Amino acid sequence: MVVPQLKFFRALWGAEAQFSTDINVLFAEIHRLGYTGVEATLSDIHRISKNDPDTFSRALQNNQLEFIGLAQTNYPSIKDGTWHDLSIDEHVANLEIHLKEFMEYKPIHINIQGGQDSWSIEENEQFFEKALEVQAKYLQVTSSHETHRTRVLYNPFTTAHFVKRFPTLRLTADYSHFILVCERLLQHSTDDERFRLFASRVDHLHARVGTAQHAQINDHLEAKEECEQMQKWWEMIWDAQKNRTWITVTPEYGPAPYAMTNEINVWDLTNREMERQKENYQKWSNNIH
């Protein structure tokens, strides 16, 4: 059986501090390491290109990199890194701002960190109704909502509700957030049912291993059980996507305070996750029929 191409994307989150603030140097190294492209927010693009959109587009093209946009609906109307209690309409308006600008860079996908965890179920449903209408205006590119703390999809239980409620809702799977929010590895049979449900809706994967007490591990060798559990979920996604042309993965390990100390080499940790997933994908490919 021919399996989909596995495309790896490098998040720009923390990458400049870990390697280079020069967009051409950084993008050349990302290409050399074997990444297909970069995943970036509008803030990332404006910062690294010094507010010159052509610079970002040229750097992508010159280094043969594709692009995934990361829309954070708290922004750009407020200062990055600052949480505000925004209305549903403000989140939706910010989503449209992101989608419209991202189109300039010819993305292959848009990842959305949408809404906020303080809303009621009814408010969350109103958000998705409006957000999906906005997404439908940009059907030339796929888009999916990330499972992420502080956002609407911050835990697996309400996420399952919204997946059932909205047939066109697509997901970006960052399951490390679920483990941390729930403070457990989610190994019950009912958890498996939910993750199988999610797998059928996932369009993009963030490959970061987390624990019940931390957003990310320090080293794969120190987190054998967590690595095995999350690999099981990721392979559920691969099973659900095996008829596609490609599968996109962003190995996403962040700097402190995501990293437990500033001594962790997150650049290397991220690259090791990519190589680990290449090996695991090959093993998975050899076992499917």
Protein backbone atom coordinates (compact mmCIF):
# COMPACT_ATOMS: atom_id res chain seq x y z
CA MET A 1 0.00 0.00 0.00
CA VAL A 2 1.28 3.49 -0.86
CA VAL A 3 1.28 5.62 2.29
CA PRO A 4 0.92 9.42 2.47
CA GLN A 5 4.00 11.61 2.43
CA LEU A 6 4.86 12.74 5.96
CA LYS A 7 5.53 16.49 5.87
CA PHE A 8 7.34 18.04 8.83
CA PHE A 9 6.94 21.72 9.71
CA ARG A 10 9.11 23.77 12.06
CA ALA A 11 7.29 26.15 14.38
CA LEU A 12 8.96 29.56 14.54
CA TRP A 13 8.05 29.73 18.24
CA GLY A 14 11.42 30.19 19.94
CA ALA A 15 13.41 29.20 16.83
CA GLU A 16 15.10 32.56 16.38
CA ALA A 17 16.47 32.65 19.91
CA GLN A 18 17.62 29.05 19.57
CA PHE A 19 19.31 29.40 16.18
CA SER A 20 19.25 32.74 14.30
CA THR A 21 17.19 35.91 13.97
CA ASP A 22 18.22 36.20 10.31
CA ILE A 23 15.29 34.82 8.31
CA ASN A 24 17.49 33.61 5.47
CA VAL A 25 19.96 31.83 7.77
CA LEU A 26 17.15 30.29 9.82
CA PHE A 27 15.08 29.13 6.85
CA ALA A 28 18.14 27.68 5.10
CA GLU A 29 18.90 25.60 8.21
CA ILE A 30 15.27 24.47 8.53
CA HIS A 31 15.41 23.28 4.93
CA ARG A 32 18.79 21.58 5.44
CA LEU A 33 17.46 19.65 8.44
CA GLY A 34 14.72 18.14 6.26
CA TYR A 35 11.63 20.12 7.22
CA THR A 36 9.03 20.65 4.50
CA GLY A 37 8.08 24.08 5.77
CA VAL A 38 7.39 26.43 8.68
CA GLU A 39 4.38 27.07 10.89
CA ALA A 40 4.04 30.70 11.98
CA THR A 41 1.68 33.28 13.49
CA LEU A 42 1.14 36.73 12.03
CA SER A 43 3.29 38.03 14.88
CA ASP A 44 6.08 35.63 13.85
CA ILE A 45 5.86 36.77 10.23
CA HIS A 46 5.87 40.47 11.02
CA ARG A 47 8.76 40.13 13.47
CA ILE A 48 11.12 37.91 11.50
CA SER A 49 10.49 39.74 8.21
CA LYS A 50 10.74 43.18 9.88
CA ASN A 51 7.18 43.92 8.70
CA ASP A 52 8.01 43.26 5.05
CA PRO A 53 5.63 40.58 3.67
CA ASP A 54 7.75 40.14 0.54
CA THR A 55 10.76 39.19 2.68
CA PHE A 56 8.83 36.30 4.24
CA SER A 57 7.48 35.08 0.89
CA ARG A 58 10.92 35.26 -0.75
CA ALA A 59 12.56 33.38 2.13
CA LEU A 60 9.98 30.60 1.80
CA GLN A 61 10.49 30.37 -1.94
CA ASN A 62 14.29 30.62 -1.85
CA ASN A 63 14.51 27.78 0.67
CA GLN A 64 11.81 25.58 -0.91
CA LEU A 65 9.65 25.74 2.19
CA GLU A 66 5.87 25.47 2.45
CA PHE A 67 3.79 27.40 4.97
CA ILE A 68 1.18 26.64 7.65
CA GLY A 69 -0.43 29.67 9.29
CA LEU A 70 -1.19 29.67 13.01
CA ALA A 71 -4.19 31.89 13.85
CA GLN A 72 -4.58 32.88 17.49
CA THR A 73 -7.95 34.55 17.85
CA ASN A 74 -6.91 36.51 20.97
CA TYR A 75 -4.66 38.45 18.60
CA PRO A 76 -3.84 40.76 16.79
CA SER A 77 -6.20 43.14 18.61
CA ILE A 78 -4.30 42.85 21.92
CA LYS A 79 -0.66 42.57 22.91
CA ASP A 80 0.77 39.09 22.39
CA GLY A 81 1.17 37.15 25.61
CA THR A 82 -1.62 39.01 27.40
CA TRP A 83 -4.92 37.24 28.10
CA HIS A 84 -8.06 39.34 27.77
CA ASP A 85 -11.71 38.38 28.11
CA LEU A 86 -12.80 39.05 24.53
CA SER A 87 -16.28 38.66 23.10
CA ILE A 88 -17.22 35.96 20.63
CA ASP A 89 -17.49 38.52 17.85
CA GLU A 90 -14.00 39.87 18.64
CA HIS A 91 -12.55 36.37 18.35
CA VAL A 92 -14.37 35.77 15.08
CA ALA A 93 -13.24 39.12 13.68
CA ASN A 94 -9.64 38.32 14.58
CA LEU A 95 -9.98 34.95 12.87
CA GLU A 96 -11.07 36.65 9.66
CA ILE A 97 -8.15 39.10 9.87
CA HIS A 98 -5.75 36.15 10.15
CA LEU A 99 -7.25 34.12 7.33
CA LYS A 100 -7.31 37.08 4.96
CA GLU A 101 -3.65 38.00 5.58
CA PHE A 102 -2.43 34.40 5.55
CA MET A 103 -3.70 33.99 1.99
CA GLU A 104 -0.90 36.33 0.85
CA TYR A 105 1.64 33.62 1.75
CA LYS A 106 -0.10 30.72 -0.03
CA PRO A 107 -0.47 28.38 2.97
CA ILE A 108 -1.18 24.70 2.59
CA HIS A 109 -3.13 24.74 5.87
CA ILE A 110 -4.30 27.07 8.65
CA ASN A 111 -4.12 26.00 12.29
CA ILE A 112 -6.51 27.88 14.62
CA GLN A 113 -6.12 28.37 18.36
CA GLY A 114 -9.64 29.63 18.81
CA GLY A 115 -11.87 31.05 21.50
CA GLN A 116 -11.29 30.90 25.25
CA ASP A 117 -11.80 28.40 28.04
CA SER A 118 -13.96 30.71 30.18
CA TRP A 119 -17.00 30.44 27.90
CA SER A 120 -20.06 28.28 28.54
CA ILE A 121 -20.98 25.39 26.25
CA GLU A 122 -23.60 27.63 24.63
CA GLU A 123 -21.06 30.41 24.01
CA ASN A 124 -18.59 27.91 22.59
CA GLU A 125 -21.24 26.66 20.19
CA GLN A 126 -21.98 30.22 19.08
CA PHE A 127 -18.25 30.71 18.45
CA PHE A 128 -17.97 27.59 16.30
CA GLU A 129 -21.09 28.44 14.33
CA LYS A 130 -19.57 31.81 13.39
CA ALA A 131 -15.99 30.61 13.02
CA LEU A 132 -16.98 27.80 10.65
CA GLU A 133 -18.87 30.33 8.53
CA VAL A 134 -15.70 32.43 8.26
CA GLN A 135 -13.61 29.36 7.43
CA ALA A 136 -16.08 28.46 4.66
CA LYS A 137 -15.11 31.69 2.87
CA TYR A 138 -11.56 30.36 2.48
CA LEU A 139 -12.15 26.85 1.21
CA GLN A 140 -9.08 27.10 -1.06
CA VAL A 141 -7.10 26.06 2.03
CA THR A 142 -7.99 23.64 4.82
CA SER A 143 -8.20 24.89 8.41
CA SER A 144 -8.54 23.16 11.77
CA HIS A 145 -8.95 24.07 15.45
CA GLU A 146 -6.19 23.11 17.86
CA THR A 147 -6.73 21.21 21.09
CA HIS A 148 -5.04 23.71 23.37
CA ARG A 149 -5.16 25.06 26.90
CA THR A 150 -6.95 28.40 27.41
CA ARG A 151 -8.90 27.84 24.16
CA VAL A 152 -12.30 26.29 23.52
CA LEU A 153 -10.82 22.81 22.96
CA TYR A 154 -8.85 22.66 26.20
CA ASN A 155 -10.05 19.23 27.38
CA PRO A 156 -11.07 15.99 25.65
CA PHE A 157 -14.59 15.82 27.10
CA THR A 158 -15.97 19.08 25.71
CA THR A 159 -13.93 18.54 22.53
CA ALA A 160 -15.84 15.29 21.96
CA HIS A 161 -19.10 17.21 22.40
CA PHE A 162 -18.17 19.81 19.78
CA VAL A 163 -16.87 17.24 17.31
CA LYS A 164 -20.24 15.47 17.48
CA ARG A 165 -22.15 18.78 17.39
CA PHE A 166 -20.36 20.21 14.33
CA PRO A 167 -19.77 17.76 11.45
CA THR A 168 -17.44 20.17 9.60
CA LEU A 169 -15.24 20.94 12.62
CA ARG A 170 -11.67 19.80 11.92
CA LEU A 171 -8.95 19.42 14.53
CA THR A 172 -5.27 20.09 15.05
CA ALA A 173 -4.18 17.47 17.57
CA ASP A 174 -1.92 18.75 20.34
CA TYR A 175 -2.76 16.14 22.93
CA SER A 176 -0.08 17.21 25.41
CA HIS A 177 -2.57 19.85 26.58
CA PHE A 178 -5.20 17.22 27.37
CA ILE A 179 -2.79 15.23 29.54
CA LEU A 180 -1.76 18.32 31.48
CA VAL A 181 -5.31 19.67 31.96
CA CYS A 182 -6.60 16.26 33.10
CA GLU A 183 -3.47 15.40 35.15
CA ARG A 184 -3.41 11.84 33.86
CA LEU A 185 -2.40 9.85 30.80
CA LEU A 186 -6.02 9.16 29.76
CA GLN A 187 -5.59 5.40 29.36
CA HIS A 188 -9.17 4.25 30.10
CA SER A 189 -11.15 2.48 27.39
CA THR A 190 -13.57 5.43 27.22
CA ASP A 191 -10.56 7.68 26.54
CA ASP A 192 -9.61 5.43 23.61
CA GLU A 193 -13.10 5.89 22.17
CA ARG A 194 -12.71 9.67 22.27
CA PHE A 195 -9.29 9.64 20.66
CA ARG A 196 -10.56 7.40 17.86
CA LEU A 197 -13.36 9.91 17.32
CA PHE A 198 -10.83 12.76 17.20
CA ALA A 199 -8.55 10.87 14.79
CA SER A 200 -11.22 10.92 12.09
CA ARG A 201 -11.33 14.73 12.29
CA VAL A 202 -7.62 15.59 12.56
CA ASP A 203 -6.06 17.58 9.72
CA HIS A 204 -2.76 18.52 11.39
CA LEU A 205 -0.66 17.11 14.23
CA HIS A 206 1.53 18.83 16.81
CA ALA A 207 3.97 16.16 17.96
CA ARG A 208 4.98 17.17 21.46
CA VAL A 209 5.04 14.71 24.35
CA GLY A 210 3.72 16.11 27.62
CA THR A 211 3.18 14.73 31.10
CA ALA A 212 0.48 14.99 33.77
CA GLN A 213 2.40 17.85 35.41
CA HIS A 214 4.34 19.53 32.58
CA ALA A 215 3.56 20.87 29.12
CA GLN A 216 6.51 19.01 27.61
CA ILE A 217 9.16 16.46 28.48
CA ASN A 218 12.87 17.19 28.85
CA ASP A 219 14.05 14.06 27.09
CA HIS A 220 12.40 11.09 25.38
CA LEU A 221 14.41 8.57 27.40
CA GLU A 222 12.97 9.94 30.64
CA ALA A 223 9.32 9.66 29.53
CA LYS A 224 8.87 6.16 28.12
CA GLU A 225 5.24 5.70 29.20
CA GLU A 226 4.19 9.16 27.95
CA CYS A 227 5.95 8.63 24.62
CA GLU A 228 4.24 5.27 24.13
CA GLN A 229 0.78 6.59 25.02
CA MET A 230 1.01 9.60 22.75
CA GLN A 231 2.47 7.52 19.92
CA LYS A 232 -0.60 5.30 20.17
CA TRP A 233 -2.84 8.35 19.64
CA TRP A 234 -0.71 9.70 16.81
CA GLU A 235 -0.86 6.36 15.01
CA MET A 236 -4.65 6.41 15.37
CA ILE A 237 -4.45 9.65 13.36
CA TRP A 238 -2.18 8.08 10.75
CA ASP A 239 -4.63 5.18 10.45
CA ALA A 240 -7.46 7.65 9.82
CA GLN A 241 -5.38 9.58 7.26
CA LYS A 242 -3.78 6.73 5.32
CA ASN A 243 -5.73 7.49 2.13
CA ARG A 244 -4.48 11.09 1.95
CA THR A 245 -1.72 12.46 -0.25
CA TRP A 246 0.21 13.80 2.73
CA ILE A 247 0.12 14.11 6.52
CA THR A 248 1.45 17.26 8.22
CA VAL A 249 3.31 17.18 11.53
CA THR A 250 4.87 19.99 13.56
CA PRO A 251 7.24 18.70 16.28
CA GLU A 252 6.58 21.55 18.67
CA TYR A 253 8.79 21.96 21.72
CA GLY A 254 8.92 25.45 23.18
CA PRO A 255 11.44 27.48 25.17
CA ALA A 256 11.09 28.21 28.89
CA PRO A 257 8.66 28.31 30.61
CA TYR A 258 7.39 25.44 28.42
CA ALA A 259 10.83 23.95 28.85
CA MET A 260 11.36 23.37 32.56
CA THR A 261 14.70 25.20 32.55
CA ASN A 262 16.69 27.40 30.22
CA GLU A 263 19.32 24.68 30.15
CA ILE A 264 17.17 22.43 27.91
CA ASN A 265 18.30 22.52 24.26
CA VAL A 266 14.83 22.80 22.74
CA TRP A 267 16.21 23.17 19.20
CA ASP A 268 17.79 19.70 19.44
CA LEU A 269 14.78 18.23 21.27
CA THR A 270 12.51 19.37 18.44
CA ASN A 271 14.78 17.95 15.76
CA ARG A 272 15.07 14.66 17.62
CA GLU A 273 11.27 14.40 17.71
CA MET A 274 11.19 14.81 13.93
CA GLU A 275 13.75 12.02 13.48
CA ARG A 276 11.90 9.83 16.00
CA GLN A 277 8.65 10.29 14.10
CA LYS A 278 10.32 9.46 10.77
CA GLU A 279 11.38 6.13 12.27
CA ASN A 280 7.98 5.49 13.87
CA TYR A 281 6.17 6.37 10.65
CA GLN A 282 8.31 3.89 8.73
CA LYS A 283 7.50 1.17 11.28
CA TRP A 284 3.80 2.04 11.07
CA SER A 285 3.93 2.00 7.27
CA ASN A 286 5.48 -1.47 7.26
CA ASN A 287 2.66 -2.84 9.44
CA ILE A 288 -0.41 -1.55 7.59
CA HIS A 289 -2.15 -3.74 5.04
